[in-house]
Amino acid sequence: MGYLTLYNPFRDIERYMSSAALPWEWLWDEPSSTTSLTYDNKVDITKDNENVYIRVLVPEFVKDELTISVEGNTLTINGKFSKESKNRAFSKEFTRSWALSENQDASKITSKLENGVLTVTVPYKTPEKKLDNRRLISIE
């Protein structure tokens, strides 16, 4: 006669949760412990006729802890900070990248950090005016 085994779909999750270093561990006062998190930030991308606006939620970050760079056609935003108390060290970091299209002007990108929101403005290239080579020829 065979035996039935009760299947628990949450067994692996429970095992992971009991052994994993949880992000909120820093709340407990354990001497000389360090917590490092990869920060999952919220992003909002909007556009109008002149610009694309990338708004990134970066609470707790200051201007010196953020880096914005363009390499080739890739726009990258990096952030990293760390804080220390007498019993804990805490660090947070993130990296987000976007591909720029050919009609965006990477040389004119601007950014502003205000109230924990980083706004990166990527302007479109102004279309080159085509010379009108058309002319009327009079008939004699």
C-alpha atoms as a PDB file:
ATOM      1  CA  MET A   1       0.000   0.000   0.000  1.00  0.00           C
ATOM      2  CA  GLY A   2       1.340   3.476  -0.923  1.00  0.00           C
ATOM      3  CA  TYR A   3       1.519   6.525   1.248  1.00  0.00           C
ATOM      4  CA  LEU A   4       0.243   9.963   0.365  1.00  0.00           C
ATOM      5  CA  THR A   5       2.421  13.001   0.965  1.00  0.00           C
ATOM      6  CA  LEU A   6       0.689  16.275   1.621  1.00  0.00           C
ATOM      7  CA  TYR A   7       1.998  18.885  -0.818  1.00  0.00           C
ATOM      8  CA  ASN A   8       2.724  22.317   0.616  1.00  0.00           C
ATOM      9  CA  PRO A   9       3.231  24.875  -2.188  1.00  0.00           C
ATOM     10  CA  PHE A  10       4.660  27.378   0.299  1.00  0.00           C
ATOM     11  CA  ARG A  11       7.344  25.068   1.694  1.00  0.00           C
ATOM     12  CA  ASP A  12      10.159  26.571  -0.381  1.00  0.00           C
ATOM     13  CA  ILE A  13       9.072  30.107   0.435  1.00  0.00           C
ATOM     14  CA  GLU A  14       8.922  29.348   4.159  1.00  0.00           C
ATOM     15  CA  ARG A  15      12.377  27.761   4.011  1.00  0.00           C
ATOM     16  CA  TYR A  16      13.781  30.796   2.180  1.00  0.00           C
ATOM     17  CA  MET A  17      12.145  33.299   4.535  1.00  0.00           C
ATOM     18  CA  SER A  18      13.493  31.559   7.614  1.00  0.00           C
ATOM     19  CA  SER A  19      17.070  31.535   6.299  1.00  0.00           C
ATOM     20  CA  ALA A  20      17.257  34.775   4.273  1.00  0.00           C
ATOM     21  CA  ALA A  21      18.680  38.058   5.480  1.00  0.00           C
ATOM     22  CA  LEU A  22      15.559  40.194   5.509  1.00  0.00           C
ATOM     23  CA  PRO A  23      15.740  43.876   4.545  1.00  0.00           C
ATOM     24  CA  TRP A  24      14.163  45.021   7.791  1.00  0.00           C
ATOM     25  CA  GLU A  25      16.820  43.274   9.929  1.00  0.00           C
ATOM     26  CA  TRP A  26      18.444  46.643  10.604  1.00  0.00           C
ATOM     27  CA  LEU A  27      15.573  47.460  12.991  1.00  0.00           C
ATOM     28  CA  TRP A  28      17.040  45.135  15.597  1.00  0.00           C
ATOM     29  CA  ASP A  29      20.098  46.237  17.520  1.00  0.00           C
ATOM     30  CA  GLU A  30      22.691  43.633  16.706  1.00  0.00           C
ATOM     31  CA  PRO A  31      26.214  44.914  17.213  1.00  0.00           C
ATOM     32  CA  SER A  32      28.536  45.201  14.213  1.00  0.00           C
ATOM     33  CA  SER A  33      26.058  44.041  11.594  1.00  0.00           C
ATOM     34  CA  THR A  34      25.761  45.458   8.096  1.00  0.00           C
ATOM     35  CA  THR A  35      22.787  45.576   5.761  1.00  0.00           C
ATOM     36  CA  SER A  36      23.123  46.265   2.049  1.00  0.00           C
ATOM     37  CA  LEU A  37      20.111  46.541  -0.232  1.00  0.00           C
ATOM     38  CA  THR A  38      19.613  46.890  -3.935  1.00  0.00           C
ATOM     39  CA  TYR A  39      17.116  49.708  -4.196  1.00  0.00           C
ATOM     40  CA  ASP A  40      14.064  49.199  -6.433  1.00  0.00           C
ATOM     41  CA  ASN A  41      13.001  52.716  -7.344  1.00  0.00           C
ATOM     42  CA  LYS A  42       9.839  53.845  -9.054  1.00  0.00           C
ATOM     43  CA  VAL A  43      10.147  55.491 -12.475  1.00  0.00           C
ATOM     44  CA  ASP A  44       7.667  57.603 -14.417  1.00  0.00           C
ATOM     45  CA  ILE A  45       8.388  58.436 -18.074  1.00  0.00           C
ATOM     46  CA  THR A  46       6.323  61.053 -19.901  1.00  0.00           C
ATOM     47  CA  LYS A  47       6.826  63.065 -23.064  1.00  0.00           C
ATOM     48  CA  ASP A  48       5.547  66.078 -24.911  1.00  0.00           C
ATOM     49  CA  ASN A  49       6.393  67.545 -28.316  1.00  0.00           C
ATOM     50  CA  GLU A  50       9.797  68.835 -27.176  1.00  0.00           C
ATOM     51  CA  ASN A  51      11.116  66.533 -24.411  1.00  0.00           C
ATOM     52  CA  VAL A  52      11.014  63.156 -22.709  1.00  0.00           C
ATOM     53  CA  TYR A  53      10.843  63.426 -18.897  1.00  0.00           C
ATOM     54  CA  ILE A  54      12.206  60.625 -16.728  1.00  0.00           C
ATOM     55  CA  ARG A  55      11.185  61.006 -13.087  1.00  0.00           C
ATOM     56  CA  VAL A  56      12.886  58.670 -10.621  1.00  0.00           C
ATOM     57  CA  LEU A  57      11.831  58.372  -6.989  1.00  0.00           C
ATOM     58  CA  VAL A  58      15.050  58.614  -4.933  1.00  0.00           C
ATOM     59  CA  PRO A  59      14.141  59.336  -1.297  1.00  0.00           C
ATOM     60  CA  GLU A  60      17.069  59.649   1.114  1.00  0.00           C
ATOM     61  CA  PHE A  61      19.518  60.363  -1.737  1.00  0.00           C
ATOM     62  CA  VAL A  62      21.274  63.718  -2.087  1.00  0.00           C
ATOM     63  CA  LYS A  63      22.773  65.224  -5.230  1.00  0.00           C
ATOM     64  CA  ASP A  64      26.323  63.990  -4.516  1.00  0.00           C
ATOM     65  CA  GLU A  65      25.145  60.363  -4.241  1.00  0.00           C
ATOM     66  CA  LEU A  66      23.617  60.300  -7.745  1.00  0.00           C
ATOM     67  CA  THR A  67      25.374  59.985 -11.111  1.00  0.00           C
ATOM     68  CA  ILE A  68      23.829  60.496 -14.542  1.00  0.00           C
ATOM     69  CA  SER A  69      25.848  59.502 -17.601  1.00  0.00           C
ATOM     70  CA  VAL A  70      25.434  58.942 -21.325  1.00  0.00           C
ATOM     71  CA  GLU A  71      27.596  56.431 -23.142  1.00  0.00           C
ATOM     72  CA  GLY A  72      26.826  55.885 -26.795  1.00  0.00           C
ATOM     73  CA  ASN A  73      23.038  55.894 -26.945  1.00  0.00           C
ATOM     74  CA  THR A  74      22.521  54.674 -23.344  1.00  0.00           C
ATOM     75  CA  LEU A  75      21.423  56.961 -20.514  1.00  0.00           C
ATOM     76  CA  THR A  76      22.332  55.559 -17.075  1.00  0.00           C
ATOM     77  CA  ILE A  77      21.369  56.773 -13.599  1.00  0.00           C
ATOM     78  CA  ASN A  78      23.310  55.404 -10.610  1.00  0.00           C
ATOM     79  CA  GLY A  79      22.724  56.038  -6.940  1.00  0.00           C
ATOM     80  CA  LYS A  80      24.614  54.846  -3.886  1.00  0.00           C
ATOM     81  CA  PHE A  81      24.621  55.950  -0.259  1.00  0.00           C
ATOM     82  CA  SER A  82      25.498  54.518   3.115  1.00  0.00           C
ATOM     83  CA  LYS A  83      24.628  55.520   6.640  1.00  0.00           C
ATOM     84  CA  GLU A  84      26.145  54.386   9.889  1.00  0.00           C
ATOM     85  CA  SER A  85      24.973  54.419  13.462  1.00  0.00           C
ATOM     86  CA  LYS A  86      26.888  53.176  16.466  1.00  0.00           C
ATOM     87  CA  ASN A  87      25.708  49.562  15.974  1.00  0.00           C
ATOM     88  CA  ARG A  88      24.677  49.393  12.309  1.00  0.00           C
ATOM     89  CA  ALA A  89      25.876  50.214   8.844  1.00  0.00           C
ATOM     90  CA  PHE A  90      23.301  50.514   6.087  1.00  0.00           C
ATOM     91  CA  SER A  91      23.828  51.033   2.358  1.00  0.00           C
ATOM     92  CA  LYS A  92      21.514  51.375  -0.624  1.00  0.00           C
ATOM     93  CA  GLU A  93      22.265  51.426  -4.342  1.00  0.00           C
ATOM     94  CA  PHE A  94      20.555  51.260  -7.715  1.00  0.00           C
ATOM     95  CA  THR A  95      21.286  51.492 -11.441  1.00  0.00           C
ATOM     96  CA  ARG A  96      18.753  52.206 -14.190  1.00  0.00           C
ATOM     97  CA  SER A  97      19.498  52.503 -17.922  1.00  0.00           C
ATOM     98  CA  TRP A  98      17.521  53.514 -21.005  1.00  0.00           C
ATOM     99  CA  ALA A  99      18.337  53.488 -24.708  1.00  0.00           C
ATOM    100  CA  LEU A 100      18.105  56.875 -26.392  1.00  0.00           C
ATOM    101  CA  SER A 101      16.635  57.108 -29.865  1.00  0.00           C
ATOM    102  CA  GLU A 102      18.334  58.841 -32.768  1.00  0.00           C
ATOM    103  CA  ASN A 103      15.972  61.805 -32.559  1.00  0.00           C
ATOM    104  CA  GLN A 104      16.944  62.633 -28.940  1.00  0.00           C
ATOM    105  CA  ASP A 105      19.727  65.133 -28.268  1.00  0.00           C
ATOM    106  CA  ALA A 106      22.055  63.583 -25.661  1.00  0.00           C
ATOM    107  CA  SER A 107      24.214  66.720 -25.517  1.00  0.00           C
ATOM    108  CA  LYS A 108      21.335  68.791 -24.085  1.00  0.00           C
ATOM    109  CA  ILE A 109      20.117  66.480 -21.301  1.00  0.00           C
ATOM    110  CA  THR A 110      19.411  68.269 -18.018  1.00  0.00           C
ATOM    111  CA  SER A 111      18.441  67.039 -14.554  1.00  0.00           C
ATOM    112  CA  LYS A 112      16.994  68.368 -11.318  1.00  0.00           C
ATOM    113  CA  LEU A 113      16.616  66.816  -7.848  1.00  0.00           C
ATOM    114  CA  GLU A 114      13.698  68.142  -5.845  1.00  0.00           C
ATOM    115  CA  ASN A 115      11.832  66.649  -2.860  1.00  0.00           C
ATOM    116  CA  GLY A 116      13.235  63.147  -3.415  1.00  0.00           C
ATOM    117  CA  VAL A 117      12.355  63.070  -7.130  1.00  0.00           C
ATOM    118  CA  LEU A 118      15.082  63.176  -9.776  1.00  0.00           C
ATOM    119  CA  THR A 119      13.784  64.601 -13.060  1.00  0.00           C
ATOM    120  CA  VAL A 120      15.910  64.020 -16.160  1.00  0.00           C
ATOM    121  CA  THR A 121      14.849  65.987 -19.246  1.00  0.00           C
ATOM    122  CA  VAL A 122      15.884  64.545 -22.607  1.00  0.00           C
ATOM    123  CA  PRO A 123      15.097  66.953 -25.458  1.00  0.00           C
ATOM    124  CA  TYR A 124      14.315  65.911 -28.991  1.00  0.00           C
ATOM    125  CA  LYS A 125      16.647  67.103 -31.712  1.00  0.00           C
ATOM    126  CA  THR A 126      15.306  70.053 -33.604  1.00  0.00           C
ATOM    127  CA  PRO A 127      14.634  69.008 -37.160  1.00  0.00           C
ATOM    128  CA  GLU A 128      17.070  70.435 -39.619  1.00  0.00           C
ATOM    129  CA  LYS A 129      15.469  72.823 -42.001  1.00  0.00           C
ATOM    130  CA  LYS A 130      15.708  71.469 -45.484  1.00  0.00           C
ATOM    131  CA  LEU A 131      16.742  73.988 -48.043  1.00  0.00           C
ATOM    132  CA  ASP A 132      14.078  74.603 -50.559  1.00  0.00           C
ATOM    133  CA  ASN A 133      15.917  74.053 -53.831  1.00  0.00           C
ATOM    134  CA  ARG A 134      12.766  74.442 -55.797  1.00  0.00           C
ATOM    135  CA  ARG A 135      12.469  77.487 -57.992  1.00  0.00           C
ATOM    136  CA  LEU A 136      10.161  78.602 -60.716  1.00  0.00           C
ATOM    137  CA  ILE A 137      11.513  78.947 -64.180  1.00  0.00           C
ATOM    138  CA  SER A 138       9.902  81.484 -66.369  1.00  0.00           C
ATOM    139  CA  ILE A 139       8.778  80.507 -69.825  1.00  0.00           C
ATOM    140  CA  GLU A 140       9.878  82.761 -72.672  1.00  0.00           C
END
